[in-house]
Amino acid sequence: MIELGKKSKSRRDILERVERVSLVDVFSCYQCGRCSGDCPSINLMDIMPNQAIRLAQLGEVETLLESKTIWVCASCFTCTSRCPK
């Protein structure tokens, strides 16, 4: 489980934890948008998957946590299978 409370020292610390859990380097994304193209939950999201990755790259963790996107993800891995990285 990723703890986001007082134990998190910085935004970078949170991103490192996310990368450890997901095995995905958020900084390898170059914003092609393929992950968003076939997402079955896209109509329920307020931020598209590629935009969520960009926000993570920018350290906007609070914005991500306040969005519906990360909570309505179907965990189908369509984004992962479409990603050229």
PDB file of N, CA and C in Angstrom:
ATOM      1  N   MET A   1       0.841  -1.178   0.000  1.00  0.00           N
ATOM      2  CA  MET A   1       0.000   0.000   0.000  1.00  0.00           C
ATOM      3  C   MET A   1       0.888   1.244   0.000  1.00  0.00           C
ATOM      4  N   ILE A   2       0.479   2.225  -0.749  1.00  0.00           N
ATOM      5  CA  ILE A   2       1.234   3.469  -0.840  1.00  0.00           C
ATOM      6  C   ILE A   2       0.693   4.437   0.198  1.00  0.00           C
ATOM      7  N   GLU A   3       1.540   4.850   1.106  1.00  0.00           N
ATOM      8  CA  GLU A   3       1.141   5.789   2.138  1.00  0.00           C
ATOM      9  C   GLU A   3       1.426   7.204   1.671  1.00  0.00           C
ATOM     10  N   LEU A   4       0.428   8.044   1.743  1.00  0.00           N
ATOM     11  CA  LEU A   4       0.578   9.408   1.250  1.00  0.00           C
ATOM     12  C   LEU A   4       0.520  10.446   2.359  1.00  0.00           C
ATOM     13  N   GLY A   5       0.522  10.015   3.582  1.00  0.00           N
ATOM     14  CA  GLY A   5       0.421  10.942   4.705  1.00  0.00           C
ATOM     15  C   GLY A   5       1.748  11.559   5.084  1.00  0.00           C
ATOM     16  N   LYS A   6       1.958  11.739   6.358  1.00  0.00           N
ATOM     17  CA  LYS A   6       3.142  12.415   6.881  1.00  0.00           C
ATOM     18  C   LYS A   6       4.440  11.680   6.558  1.00  0.00           C
ATOM     19  N   LYS A   7       4.373  10.382   6.294  1.00  0.00           N
ATOM     20  CA  LYS A   7       5.580   9.611   6.045  1.00  0.00           C
ATOM     21  C   LYS A   7       6.198   9.919   4.682  1.00  0.00           C
ATOM     22  N   SER A   8       5.430  10.496   3.778  1.00  0.00           N
ATOM     23  CA  SER A   8       5.957  10.854   2.467  1.00  0.00           C
ATOM     24  C   SER A   8       6.792  12.109   2.591  1.00  0.00           C
ATOM     25  N   LYS A   9       8.051  12.009   2.219  1.00  0.00           N
ATOM     26  CA  LYS A   9       8.966  13.129   2.396  1.00  0.00           C
ATOM     27  C   LYS A   9       8.830  14.173   1.295  1.00  0.00           C
ATOM     28  N   SER A  10       8.479  13.737   0.087  1.00  0.00           N
ATOM     29  CA  SER A  10       8.392  14.669  -1.025  1.00  0.00           C
ATOM     30  C   SER A  10       7.537  14.071  -2.134  1.00  0.00           C
ATOM     31  N   ARG A  11       7.255  14.881  -3.121  1.00  0.00           N
ATOM     32  CA  ARG A  11       6.525  14.389  -4.289  1.00  0.00           C
ATOM     33  C   ARG A  11       7.328  13.298  -4.986  1.00  0.00           C
ATOM     34  N   ARG A  12       8.631  13.499  -5.045  1.00  0.00           N
ATOM     35  CA  ARG A  12       9.494  12.504  -5.695  1.00  0.00           C
ATOM     36  C   ARG A  12       9.434  11.174  -4.942  1.00  0.00           C
ATOM     37  N   ASP A  13       9.331  11.229  -3.631  1.00  0.00           N
ATOM     38  CA  ASP A  13       9.209  10.022  -2.820  1.00  0.00           C
ATOM     39  C   ASP A  13       7.936   9.264  -3.196  1.00  0.00           C
ATOM     40  N   ILE A  14       6.848   9.997  -3.362  1.00  0.00           N
ATOM     41  CA  ILE A  14       5.581   9.375  -3.747  1.00  0.00           C
ATOM     42  C   ILE A  14       5.707   8.745  -5.129  1.00  0.00           C
ATOM     43  N   LEU A  15       6.309   9.465  -6.080  1.00  0.00           N
ATOM     44  CA  LEU A  15       6.479   8.917  -7.429  1.00  0.00           C
ATOM     45  C   LEU A  15       7.354   7.671  -7.417  1.00  0.00           C
ATOM     46  N   GLU A  16       8.379   7.668  -6.601  1.00  0.00           N
ATOM     47  CA  GLU A  16       9.233   6.481  -6.502  1.00  0.00           C
ATOM     48  C   GLU A  16       8.453   5.296  -5.967  1.00  0.00           C
ATOM     49  N   ARG A  17       7.568   5.537  -5.026  1.00  0.00           N
ATOM     50  CA  ARG A  17       6.733   4.454  -4.494  1.00  0.00           C
ATOM     51  C   ARG A  17       5.770   3.934  -5.558  1.00  0.00           C
ATOM     52  N   VAL A  18       5.171   4.852  -6.308  1.00  0.00           N
ATOM     53  CA  VAL A  18       4.260   4.445  -7.389  1.00  0.00           C
ATOM     54  C   VAL A  18       5.013   3.615  -8.426  1.00  0.00           C
ATOM     55  N   GLU A  19       6.209   4.057  -8.800  1.00  0.00           N
ATOM     56  CA  GLU A  19       7.006   3.322  -9.782  1.00  0.00           C
ATOM     57  C   GLU A  19       7.388   1.938  -9.264  1.00  0.00           C
ATOM     58  N   ARG A  20       7.688   1.843  -7.982  1.00  0.00           N
ATOM     59  CA  ARG A  20       8.039   0.542  -7.395  1.00  0.00           C
ATOM     60  C   ARG A  20       6.860  -0.419  -7.454  1.00  0.00           C
ATOM     61  N   VAL A  21       5.680   0.074  -7.151  1.00  0.00           N
ATOM     62  CA  VAL A  21       4.487  -0.770  -7.137  1.00  0.00           C
ATOM     63  C   VAL A  21       4.043  -1.135  -8.554  1.00  0.00           C
ATOM     64  N   SER A  22       4.065  -0.164  -9.462  1.00  0.00           N
ATOM     65  CA  SER A  22       3.545  -0.378 -10.814  1.00  0.00           C
ATOM     66  C   SER A  22       4.575  -0.927 -11.786  1.00  0.00           C
ATOM     67  N   LEU A  23       5.857  -0.814 -11.438  1.00  0.00           N
ATOM     68  CA  LEU A  23       6.958  -1.219 -12.331  1.00  0.00           C
ATOM     69  C   LEU A  23       6.964  -0.409 -13.623  1.00  0.00           C
ATOM     70  N   VAL A  24       6.461   0.822 -13.540  1.00  0.00           N
ATOM     71  CA  VAL A  24       6.410   1.718 -14.693  1.00  0.00           C
ATOM     72  C   VAL A  24       7.168   3.000 -14.356  1.00  0.00           C
ATOM     73  N   ASP A  25       8.047   3.412 -15.250  1.00  0.00           N
ATOM     74  CA  ASP A  25       8.772   4.673 -15.087  1.00  0.00           C
ATOM     75  C   ASP A  25       7.931   5.777 -15.723  1.00  0.00           C
ATOM     76  N   VAL A  26       7.311   6.614 -14.897  1.00  0.00           N
ATOM     77  CA  VAL A  26       6.430   7.650 -15.431  1.00  0.00           C
ATOM     78  C   VAL A  26       7.184   8.642 -16.312  1.00  0.00           C
ATOM     79  N   PHE A  27       8.483   8.753 -16.132  1.00  0.00           N
ATOM     80  CA  PHE A  27       9.258   9.702 -16.922  1.00  0.00           C
ATOM     81  C   PHE A  27       9.632   9.164 -18.306  1.00  0.00           C
ATOM     82  N   SER A  28       9.292   7.906 -18.592  1.00  0.00           N
ATOM     83  CA  SER A  28       9.558   7.372 -19.930  1.00  0.00           C
ATOM     84  C   SER A  28       8.424   7.714 -20.909  1.00  0.00           C
ATOM     85  N   CYS A  29       7.318   8.219 -20.397  1.00  0.00           N
ATOM     86  CA  CYS A  29       6.172   8.572 -21.240  1.00  0.00           C
ATOM     87  C   CYS A  29       6.482   9.821 -22.058  1.00  0.00           C
ATOM     88  N   TYR A  30       6.214   9.744 -23.362  1.00  0.00           N
ATOM     89  CA  TYR A  30       6.423  10.923 -24.202  1.00  0.00           C
ATOM     90  C   TYR A  30       5.112  11.451 -24.780  1.00  0.00           C
ATOM     91  N   GLN A  31       3.991  11.130 -24.112  1.00  0.00           N
ATOM     92  CA  GLN A  31       2.688  11.735 -24.380  1.00  0.00           C
ATOM     93  C   GLN A  31       2.131  11.462 -25.778  1.00  0.00           C
ATOM     94  N   CYS A  32       2.236  10.228 -26.253  1.00  0.00           N
ATOM     95  CA  CYS A  32       1.673   9.895 -27.564  1.00  0.00           C
ATOM     96  C   CYS A  32       0.145   9.800 -27.508  1.00  0.00           C
ATOM     97  N   GLY A  33      -0.410   9.496 -26.331  1.00  0.00           N
ATOM     98  CA  GLY A  33      -1.855   9.432 -26.161  1.00  0.00           C
ATOM     99  C   GLY A  33      -2.487   8.090 -26.456  1.00  0.00           C
ATOM    100  N   ARG A  34      -1.697   7.096 -26.826  1.00  0.00           N
ATOM    101  CA  ARG A  34      -2.263   5.779 -27.138  1.00  0.00           C
ATOM    102  C   ARG A  34      -2.973   5.155 -25.945  1.00  0.00           C
ATOM    103  N   CYS A  35      -2.481   5.420 -24.751  1.00  0.00           N
ATOM    104  CA  CYS A  35      -3.104   4.849 -23.553  1.00  0.00           C
ATOM    105  C   CYS A  35      -4.541   5.335 -23.389  1.00  0.00           C
ATOM    106  N   SER A  36      -4.807   6.531 -23.818  1.00  0.00           N
ATOM    107  CA  SER A  36      -6.150   7.101 -23.687  1.00  0.00           C
ATOM    108  C   SER A  36      -7.070   6.676 -24.826  1.00  0.00           C
ATOM    109  N   GLY A  37      -6.494   6.280 -25.946  1.00  0.00           N
ATOM    110  CA  GLY A  37      -7.268   5.987 -27.143  1.00  0.00           C
ATOM    111  C   GLY A  37      -8.309   4.899 -27.003  1.00  0.00           C
ATOM    112  N   ASP A  38      -7.977   3.814 -26.328  1.00  0.00           N
ATOM    113  CA  ASP A  38      -8.904   2.680 -26.215  1.00  0.00           C
ATOM    114  C   ASP A  38      -9.350   2.408 -24.790  1.00  0.00           C
ATOM    115  N   CYS A  39      -9.138   3.340 -23.898  1.00  0.00           N
ATOM    116  CA  CYS A  39      -9.508   3.145 -22.493  1.00  0.00           C
ATOM    117  C   CYS A  39     -11.022   2.983 -22.364  1.00  0.00           C
ATOM    118  N   PRO A  40     -11.486   1.858 -21.798  1.00  0.00           N
ATOM    119  CA  PRO A  40     -12.931   1.646 -21.671  1.00  0.00           C
ATOM    120  C   PRO A  40     -13.591   2.536 -20.615  1.00  0.00           C
ATOM    121  N   SER A  41     -12.804   3.143 -19.756  1.00  0.00           N
ATOM    122  CA  SER A  41     -13.365   3.984 -18.687  1.00  0.00           C
ATOM    123  C   SER A  41     -13.210   5.475 -18.962  1.00  0.00           C
ATOM    124  N   ILE A  42     -12.740   5.820 -20.148  1.00  0.00           N
ATOM    125  CA  ILE A  42     -12.410   7.216 -20.456  1.00  0.00           C
ATOM    126  C   ILE A  42     -13.590   8.164 -20.262  1.00  0.00           C
ATOM    127  N   ASN A  43     -14.801   7.691 -20.542  1.00  0.00           N
ATOM    128  CA  ASN A  43     -15.963   8.578 -20.417  1.00  0.00           C
ATOM    129  C   ASN A  43     -16.321   8.882 -18.958  1.00  0.00           C
ATOM    130  N   LEU A  44     -15.748   8.140 -18.015  1.00  0.00           N
ATOM    131  CA  LEU A  44     -15.979   8.386 -16.589  1.00  0.00           C
ATOM    132  C   LEU A  44     -14.874   9.223 -15.957  1.00  0.00           C
ATOM    133  N   MET A  45     -13.799   9.432 -16.696  1.00  0.00           N
ATOM    134  CA  MET A  45     -12.625  10.120 -16.172  1.00  0.00           C
ATOM    135  C   MET A  45     -12.692  11.620 -16.416  1.00  0.00           C
ATOM    136  N   ASP A  46     -12.157  12.379 -15.482  1.00  0.00           N
ATOM    137  CA  ASP A  46     -12.066  13.822 -15.668  1.00  0.00           C
ATOM    138  C   ASP A  46     -10.691  14.222 -16.206  1.00  0.00           C
ATOM    139  N   ILE A  47      -9.725  13.324 -16.117  1.00  0.00           N
ATOM    140  CA  ILE A  47      -8.391  13.532 -16.678  1.00  0.00           C
ATOM    141  C   ILE A  47      -8.043  12.274 -17.464  1.00  0.00           C
ATOM    142  N   MET A  48      -7.643  12.415 -18.704  1.00  0.00           N
ATOM    143  CA  MET A  48      -7.291  11.249 -19.518  1.00  0.00           C
ATOM    144  C   MET A  48      -6.022  10.595 -18.960  1.00  0.00           C
ATOM    145  N   PRO A  49      -5.839   9.290 -19.202  1.00  0.00           N
ATOM    146  CA  PRO A  49      -4.662   8.594 -18.673  1.00  0.00           C
ATOM    147  C   PRO A  49      -3.335   9.256 -19.031  1.00  0.00           C
ATOM    148  N   ASN A  50      -3.177   9.699 -20.273  1.00  0.00           N
ATOM    149  CA  ASN A  50      -1.904  10.340 -20.633  1.00  0.00           C
ATOM    150  C   ASN A  50      -1.722  11.669 -19.897  1.00  0.00           C
ATOM    151  N   GLN A  51      -2.819  12.360 -19.614  1.00  0.00           N
ATOM    152  CA  GLN A  51      -2.738  13.598 -18.844  1.00  0.00           C
ATOM    153  C   GLN A  51      -2.391  13.302 -17.380  1.00  0.00           C
ATOM    154  N   ALA A  52      -2.890  12.182 -16.871  1.00  0.00           N
ATOM    155  CA  ALA A  52      -2.565  11.779 -15.504  1.00  0.00           C
ATOM    156  C   ALA A  52      -1.071  11.491 -15.376  1.00  0.00           C
ATOM    157  N   ILE A  53      -0.511  10.836 -16.382  1.00  0.00           N
ATOM    158  CA  ILE A  53       0.930  10.558 -16.370  1.00  0.00           C
ATOM    159  C   ILE A  53       1.706  11.868 -16.415  1.00  0.00           C
ATOM    160  N   ARG A  54       1.259  12.811 -17.225  1.00  0.00           N
ATOM    161  CA  ARG A  54       1.948  14.105 -17.312  1.00  0.00           C
ATOM    162  C   ARG A  54       1.896  14.838 -15.970  1.00  0.00           C
ATOM    163  N   LEU A  55       0.748  14.801 -15.314  1.00  0.00           N
ATOM    164  CA  LEU A  55       0.642  15.429 -14.002  1.00  0.00           C
ATOM    165  C   LEU A  55       1.600  14.770 -13.011  1.00  0.00           C
ATOM    166  N   ALA A  56       1.728  13.454 -13.101  1.00  0.00           N
ATOM    167  CA  ALA A  56       2.681  12.749 -12.237  1.00  0.00           C
ATOM    168  C   ALA A  56       4.105  13.199 -12.536  1.00  0.00           C
ATOM    169  N   GLN A  57       4.424  13.346 -13.823  1.00  0.00           N
ATOM    170  CA  GLN A  57       5.760  13.814 -14.208  1.00  0.00           C
ATOM    171  C   GLN A  57       6.049  15.195 -13.629  1.00  0.00           C
ATOM    172  N   LEU A  58       5.028  16.017 -13.563  1.00  0.00           N
ATOM    173  CA  LEU A  58       5.177  17.380 -13.058  1.00  0.00           C
ATOM    174  C   LEU A  58       5.098  17.455 -11.534  1.00  0.00           C
ATOM    175  N   GLY A  59       4.840  16.311 -10.898  1.00  0.00           N
ATOM    176  CA  GLY A  59       4.754  16.288  -9.441  1.00  0.00           C
ATOM    177  C   GLY A  59       3.433  16.782  -8.890  1.00  0.00           C
ATOM    178  N   GLU A  60       2.421  16.837  -9.727  1.00  0.00           N
ATOM    179  CA  GLU A  60       1.099  17.321  -9.306  1.00  0.00           C
ATOM    180  C   GLU A  60       0.284  16.192  -8.674  1.00  0.00           C
ATOM    181  N   VAL A  61       0.827  15.602  -7.637  1.00  0.00           N
ATOM    182  CA  VAL A  61       0.216  14.448  -6.979  1.00  0.00           C
ATOM    183  C   VAL A  61      -1.136  14.807  -6.370  1.00  0.00           C
ATOM    184  N   GLU A  62      -1.236  15.977  -5.778  1.00  0.00           N
ATOM    185  CA  GLU A  62      -2.494  16.391  -5.156  1.00  0.00           C
ATOM    186  C   GLU A  62      -3.616  16.470  -6.186  1.00  0.00           C
ATOM    187  N   THR A  63      -3.305  16.992  -7.371  1.00  0.00           N
ATOM    188  CA  THR A  63      -4.302  17.083  -8.440  1.00  0.00           C
ATOM    189  C   THR A  63      -4.777  15.696  -8.846  1.00  0.00           C
ATOM    190  N   LEU A  64      -3.856  14.758  -8.947  1.00  0.00           N
ATOM    191  CA  LEU A  64      -4.225  13.386  -9.292  1.00  0.00           C
ATOM    192  C   LEU A  64      -5.118  12.754  -8.235  1.00  0.00           C
ATOM    193  N   LEU A  65      -4.763  12.937  -6.982  1.00  0.00           N
ATOM    194  CA  LEU A  65      -5.547  12.343  -5.908  1.00  0.00           C
ATOM    195  C   LEU A  65      -6.937  12.941  -5.796  1.00  0.00           C
ATOM    196  N   GLU A  66      -7.095  14.176  -6.242  1.00  0.00           N
ATOM    197  CA  GLU A  66      -8.405  14.830  -6.207  1.00  0.00           C
ATOM    198  C   GLU A  66      -9.261  14.502  -7.426  1.00  0.00           C
ATOM    199  N   SER A  67      -8.654  13.910  -8.452  1.00  0.00           N
ATOM    200  CA  SER A  67      -9.406  13.601  -9.668  1.00  0.00           C
ATOM    201  C   SER A  67     -10.136  12.267  -9.540  1.00  0.00           C
ATOM    202  N   LYS A  68     -11.116  12.052 -10.409  1.00  0.00           N
ATOM    203  CA  LYS A  68     -11.843  10.789 -10.443  1.00  0.00           C
ATOM    204  C   LYS A  68     -11.053   9.713 -11.181  1.00  0.00           C
ATOM    205  N   THR A  69     -10.133  10.112 -12.024  1.00  0.00           N
ATOM    206  CA  THR A  69      -9.458   9.201 -12.942  1.00  0.00           C
ATOM    207  C   THR A  69      -8.832   7.990 -12.269  1.00  0.00           C
ATOM    208  N   ILE A  70      -8.025   8.212 -11.253  1.00  0.00           N
ATOM    209  CA  ILE A  70      -7.332   7.071 -10.659  1.00  0.00           C
ATOM    210  C   ILE A  70      -8.272   6.132  -9.911  1.00  0.00           C
ATOM    211  N   TRP A  71      -9.450   6.624  -9.568  1.00  0.00           N
ATOM    212  CA  TRP A  71     -10.396   5.810  -8.814  1.00  0.00           C
ATOM    213  C   TRP A  71     -11.359   5.051  -9.719  1.00  0.00           C
ATOM    214  N   VAL A  72     -11.543   5.480 -10.965  1.00  0.00           N
ATOM    215  CA  VAL A  72     -12.469   4.778 -11.865  1.00  0.00           C
ATOM    216  C   VAL A  72     -11.741   3.893 -12.878  1.00  0.00           C
ATOM    217  N   CYS A  73     -10.438   3.846 -12.798  1.00  0.00           N
ATOM    218  CA  CYS A  73      -9.658   2.987 -13.692  1.00  0.00           C
ATOM    219  C   CYS A  73     -10.148   1.545 -13.573  1.00  0.00           C
ATOM    220  N   ALA A  74     -10.371   0.881 -14.695  1.00  0.00           N
ATOM    221  CA  ALA A  74     -10.872  -0.497 -14.717  1.00  0.00           C
ATOM    222  C   ALA A  74      -9.766  -1.522 -14.480  1.00  0.00           C
ATOM    223  N   SER A  75      -8.528  -1.091 -14.425  1.00  0.00           N
ATOM    224  CA  SER A  75      -7.376  -1.990 -14.241  1.00  0.00           C
ATOM    225  C   SER A  75      -7.345  -3.095 -15.294  1.00  0.00           C
ATOM    226  N   CYS A  76      -7.695  -2.728 -16.518  1.00  0.00           N
ATOM    227  CA  CYS A  76      -7.737  -3.698 -17.612  1.00  0.00           C
ATOM    228  C   CYS A  76      -6.403  -3.797 -18.344  1.00  0.00           C
ATOM    229  N   PHE A  77      -5.511  -2.857 -18.094  1.00  0.00           N
ATOM    230  CA  PHE A  77      -4.178  -2.807 -18.694  1.00  0.00           C
ATOM    231  C   PHE A  77      -4.187  -2.528 -20.195  1.00  0.00           C
ATOM    232  N   THR A  78      -5.293  -1.983 -20.711  1.00  0.00           N
ATOM    233  CA  THR A  78      -5.313  -1.565 -22.107  1.00  0.00           C
ATOM    234  C   THR A  78      -4.259  -0.497 -22.337  1.00  0.00           C
ATOM    235  N   CYS A  79      -4.128   0.410 -21.395  1.00  0.00           N
ATOM    236  CA  CYS A  79      -3.122   1.478 -21.519  1.00  0.00           C
ATOM    237  C   CYS A  79      -1.721   0.893 -21.617  1.00  0.00           C
ATOM    238  N   THR A  80      -1.451  -0.081 -20.805  1.00  0.00           N
ATOM    239  CA  THR A  80      -0.136  -0.722 -20.802  1.00  0.00           C
ATOM    240  C   THR A  80       0.131  -1.472 -22.100  1.00  0.00           C
ATOM    241  N   SER A  81      -0.882  -2.164 -22.604  1.00  0.00           N
ATOM    242  CA  SER A  81      -0.684  -2.928 -23.846  1.00  0.00           C
ATOM    243  C   SER A  81      -0.552  -2.018 -25.066  1.00  0.00           C
ATOM    244  N   ARG A  82      -1.124  -0.834 -25.014  1.00  0.00           N
ATOM    245  CA  ARG A  82      -1.042   0.116 -26.133  1.00  0.00           C
ATOM    246  C   ARG A  82       0.224   0.973 -26.089  1.00  0.00           C
ATOM    247  N   CYS A  83       0.857   1.045 -24.933  1.00  0.00           N
ATOM    248  CA  CYS A  83       2.016   1.919 -24.761  1.00  0.00           C
ATOM    249  C   CYS A  83       3.212   1.422 -25.571  1.00  0.00           C
ATOM    250  N   PRO A  84       3.805   2.293 -26.393  1.00  0.00           N
ATOM    251  CA  PRO A  84       4.975   1.882 -27.180  1.00  0.00           C
ATOM    252  C   PRO A  84       6.243   1.762 -26.342  1.00  0.00           C
ATOM    253  N   LYS A  85       6.211   2.203 -25.108  1.00  0.00           N
ATOM    254  CA  LYS A  85       7.386   2.114 -24.235  1.00  0.00           C
ATOM    255  C   LYS A  85       7.401   0.793 -23.592  1.00  0.00           C
TER     256      LYS A  85
END
